[in-house]
């Protein structure tokens, strides 16, 4: 099992995700009136149907973490 550590967008707490269970990764830009746009990434896992985790890292950063975890067997 290979895990990566991500940061929760809402609480700044750490989220540990098994890379083998990641089902989708996509960047989100949420338009907020009278504020700067809110940016985060959704990471969904195949073992839960909750829509995914909102994390601070962008999709490129997450893909780099996955590649690094795959190399560290």
N, C-alpha and C. Protein backbone atom coordinates (compact mmCIF):
# COMPACT_ATOMS: atom_id res chain seq x y z
N UNK A 1 0.85 -1.17 0.00
CA UNK A 1 0.00 0.00 0.00
C UNK A 1 0.90 1.24 0.00
N UNK A 2 0.65 2.15 -0.92
CA UNK A 2 1.44 3.38 -1.03
C UNK A 2 0.54 4.56 -0.71
N UNK A 3 0.96 5.36 0.25
CA UNK A 3 0.15 6.48 0.72
C UNK A 3 0.80 7.81 0.34
N UNK A 4 -0.06 8.83 0.13
CA UNK A 4 0.43 10.20 0.00
C UNK A 4 -0.29 11.03 1.06
N UNK A 5 0.34 12.13 1.44
CA UNK A 5 -0.23 13.03 2.43
C UNK A 5 -0.63 14.33 1.74
N UNK A 6 -1.89 14.72 1.92
CA UNK A 6 -2.41 15.96 1.36
C UNK A 6 -2.94 16.83 2.48
N UNK A 7 -3.21 18.09 2.17
CA UNK A 7 -3.69 19.05 3.16
C UNK A 7 -5.14 19.40 2.89
N UNK A 8 -5.99 19.27 3.89
CA UNK A 8 -7.40 19.62 3.75
C UNK A 8 -7.52 21.11 3.42
N UNK A 9 -8.32 21.42 2.42
CA UNK A 9 -8.54 22.81 2.02
C UNK A 9 -9.26 23.60 3.12
N UNK A 10 -10.17 22.95 3.82
CA UNK A 10 -11.00 23.65 4.81
C UNK A 10 -10.35 23.78 6.19
N UNK A 11 -9.65 22.73 6.63
CA UNK A 11 -9.16 22.73 8.02
C UNK A 11 -7.65 22.72 8.14
N UNK A 12 -6.93 22.62 7.03
CA UNK A 12 -5.47 22.51 7.02
C UNK A 12 -4.95 21.27 7.74
N UNK A 13 -5.84 20.31 8.02
CA UNK A 13 -5.39 19.05 8.63
C UNK A 13 -4.86 18.13 7.54
N UNK A 14 -4.12 17.12 7.95
CA UNK A 14 -3.53 16.20 6.99
C UNK A 14 -4.51 15.09 6.62
N UNK A 15 -4.48 14.70 5.33
CA UNK A 15 -5.29 13.61 4.81
C UNK A 15 -4.34 12.60 4.20
N UNK A 16 -4.46 11.34 4.59
CA UNK A 16 -3.62 10.27 4.06
C UNK A 16 -4.47 9.44 3.10
N UNK A 17 -4.00 9.32 1.85
CA UNK A 17 -4.77 8.62 0.83
C UNK A 17 -3.90 7.54 0.18
N UNK A 18 -4.46 6.35 0.08
CA UNK A 18 -3.82 5.24 -0.62
C UNK A 18 -3.91 5.55 -2.11
N UNK A 19 -2.78 5.63 -2.81
CA UNK A 19 -2.80 6.02 -4.22
C UNK A 19 -3.54 5.02 -5.09
N UNK A 20 -3.65 3.78 -4.65
CA UNK A 20 -4.35 2.76 -5.43
C UNK A 20 -5.86 2.95 -5.41
N UNK A 21 -6.38 3.77 -4.51
CA UNK A 21 -7.82 3.98 -4.41
C UNK A 21 -8.28 5.31 -5.00
N UNK A 22 -7.36 6.10 -5.58
CA UNK A 22 -7.74 7.39 -6.15
C UNK A 22 -8.51 7.14 -7.45
N UNK A 23 -9.71 7.70 -7.52
CA UNK A 23 -10.55 7.53 -8.69
C UNK A 23 -10.57 8.75 -9.58
N UNK A 24 -10.42 9.94 -9.01
CA UNK A 24 -10.38 11.15 -9.81
C UNK A 24 -9.64 12.27 -9.08
N UNK A 25 -9.05 13.17 -9.89
CA UNK A 25 -8.36 14.36 -9.38
C UNK A 25 -8.69 15.49 -10.34
N UNK A 26 -9.22 16.59 -9.82
CA UNK A 26 -9.44 17.75 -10.69
C UNK A 26 -9.41 19.04 -9.88
N UNK A 27 -8.88 20.08 -10.53
CA UNK A 27 -8.80 21.40 -9.91
C UNK A 27 -10.16 22.09 -9.99
N UNK A 28 -10.49 22.86 -8.96
CA UNK A 28 -11.76 23.58 -8.88
C UNK A 28 -11.47 25.05 -8.60
N UNK A 29 -12.19 25.92 -9.29
CA UNK A 29 -12.17 27.35 -8.98
C UNK A 29 -13.60 27.73 -8.63
N UNK A 30 -13.80 28.11 -7.39
CA UNK A 30 -15.13 28.47 -6.90
C UNK A 30 -15.24 29.99 -6.91
N UNK A 31 -16.21 30.51 -7.63
CA UNK A 31 -16.42 31.95 -7.69
C UNK A 31 -17.12 32.39 -6.40
N UNK A 32 -16.50 33.34 -5.71
CA UNK A 32 -17.05 33.86 -4.47
C UNK A 32 -17.27 35.35 -4.64
N UNK A 33 -18.49 35.78 -4.42
CA UNK A 33 -18.81 37.19 -4.61
C UNK A 33 -18.11 38.05 -3.56
N UNK A 34 -17.52 39.13 -4.01
CA UNK A 34 -16.83 40.12 -3.17
C UNK A 34 -15.56 39.59 -2.51
N UNK A 35 -15.03 38.48 -2.99
CA UNK A 35 -13.79 37.92 -2.48
C UNK A 35 -12.97 37.39 -3.65
N UNK A 36 -11.74 37.05 -3.38
CA UNK A 36 -10.92 36.40 -4.39
C UNK A 36 -11.49 35.00 -4.65
N UNK A 37 -11.33 34.51 -5.88
CA UNK A 37 -11.80 33.17 -6.21
C UNK A 37 -11.14 32.15 -5.28
N UNK A 38 -11.91 31.19 -4.86
CA UNK A 38 -11.42 30.12 -3.99
C UNK A 38 -10.95 28.97 -4.88
N UNK A 39 -9.71 28.50 -4.67
CA UNK A 39 -9.16 27.43 -5.49
C UNK A 39 -8.81 26.24 -4.60
N UNK A 40 -9.17 25.06 -5.06
CA UNK A 40 -8.81 23.83 -4.37
C UNK A 40 -8.88 22.69 -5.38
N UNK A 41 -8.51 21.50 -4.95
CA UNK A 41 -8.54 20.33 -5.81
C UNK A 41 -9.41 19.27 -5.17
N UNK A 42 -10.20 18.58 -5.96
CA UNK A 42 -11.01 17.45 -5.49
C UNK A 42 -10.26 16.16 -5.78
N UNK A 43 -10.13 15.32 -4.76
CA UNK A 43 -9.51 14.00 -4.91
C UNK A 43 -10.54 13.00 -4.42
N UNK A 44 -11.03 12.19 -5.34
CA UNK A 44 -12.03 11.19 -4.99
C UNK A 44 -11.41 9.81 -4.92
N UNK A 45 -11.91 9.00 -4.01
CA UNK A 45 -11.41 7.64 -3.87
C UNK A 45 -12.49 6.66 -4.28
N UNK A 46 -12.06 5.49 -4.71
CA UNK A 46 -12.99 4.47 -5.19
C UNK A 46 -13.69 3.74 -4.05
N UNK A 47 -13.26 3.94 -2.81
CA UNK A 47 -13.85 3.20 -1.70
C UNK A 47 -14.91 4.02 -0.94
N UNK A 48 -15.14 5.27 -1.32
CA UNK A 48 -16.17 6.10 -0.69
C UNK A 48 -16.92 6.86 -1.76
N UNK A 49 -18.19 7.09 -1.55
CA UNK A 49 -19.00 7.83 -2.50
C UNK A 49 -19.39 9.17 -1.89
N UNK A 50 -18.38 9.95 -1.49
CA UNK A 50 -18.64 11.22 -0.82
C UNK A 50 -18.30 12.43 -1.70
N UNK A 51 -18.00 12.21 -2.97
CA UNK A 51 -17.66 13.31 -3.86
C UNK A 51 -16.20 13.67 -3.84
N UNK A 52 -15.48 13.24 -2.84
CA UNK A 52 -14.05 13.48 -2.79
C UNK A 52 -13.63 14.46 -1.71
N UNK A 53 -12.34 14.52 -1.50
CA UNK A 53 -11.75 15.41 -0.51
C UNK A 53 -11.36 16.72 -1.19
N UNK A 54 -11.57 17.84 -0.53
CA UNK A 54 -11.10 19.13 -1.02
C UNK A 54 -9.74 19.39 -0.40
N UNK A 55 -8.71 19.47 -1.25
CA UNK A 55 -7.35 19.60 -0.75
C UNK A 55 -6.68 20.86 -1.31
N UNK A 56 -5.65 21.32 -0.62
CA UNK A 56 -4.94 22.55 -0.98
C UNK A 56 -3.99 22.35 -2.17
N UNK A 57 -3.42 21.16 -2.32
CA UNK A 57 -2.48 20.89 -3.40
C UNK A 57 -3.22 20.87 -4.73
N UNK A 58 -2.54 21.33 -5.80
CA UNK A 58 -3.18 21.27 -7.11
C UNK A 58 -2.92 19.91 -7.75
N UNK A 59 -3.60 19.65 -8.87
CA UNK A 59 -3.52 18.34 -9.52
C UNK A 59 -2.09 17.98 -9.91
N UNK A 60 -1.32 18.94 -10.40
CA UNK A 60 0.08 18.66 -10.79
C UNK A 60 0.90 18.22 -9.59
N UNK A 61 0.73 18.89 -8.45
CA UNK A 61 1.46 18.52 -7.24
C UNK A 61 1.08 17.11 -6.79
N UNK A 62 -0.20 16.79 -6.87
CA UNK A 62 -0.67 15.47 -6.45
C UNK A 62 -0.10 14.38 -7.36
N UNK A 63 -0.11 14.63 -8.66
CA UNK A 63 0.45 13.65 -9.59
C UNK A 63 1.94 13.42 -9.33
N UNK A 64 2.67 14.48 -8.97
CA UNK A 64 4.09 14.32 -8.61
C UNK A 64 4.24 13.47 -7.36
N UNK A 65 3.37 13.69 -6.37
CA UNK A 65 3.42 12.89 -5.14
C UNK A 65 3.13 11.42 -5.43
N UNK A 66 2.18 11.17 -6.34
CA UNK A 66 1.84 9.79 -6.71
C UNK A 66 3.05 9.13 -7.39
N UNK A 67 3.67 9.83 -8.33
CA UNK A 67 4.84 9.27 -9.01
C UNK A 67 5.97 8.98 -8.03
N UNK A 68 6.19 9.90 -7.08
CA UNK A 68 7.23 9.70 -6.08
C UNK A 68 6.91 8.47 -5.21
N UNK A 69 5.65 8.32 -4.82
CA UNK A 69 5.25 7.16 -4.01
C UNK A 69 5.42 5.87 -4.77
N UNK A 70 5.15 5.88 -6.08
CA UNK A 70 5.32 4.67 -6.89
C UNK A 70 6.79 4.26 -6.99
N UNK A 71 7.70 5.25 -7.04
CA UNK A 71 9.12 4.94 -7.14
C UNK A 71 9.68 4.42 -5.81
N UNK A 72 9.11 4.83 -4.70
CA UNK A 72 9.59 4.40 -3.37
C UNK A 72 8.88 3.13 -2.94
N UNK A 73 9.28 2.04 -3.51
CA UNK A 73 8.63 0.75 -3.22
C UNK A 73 9.04 0.21 -1.87
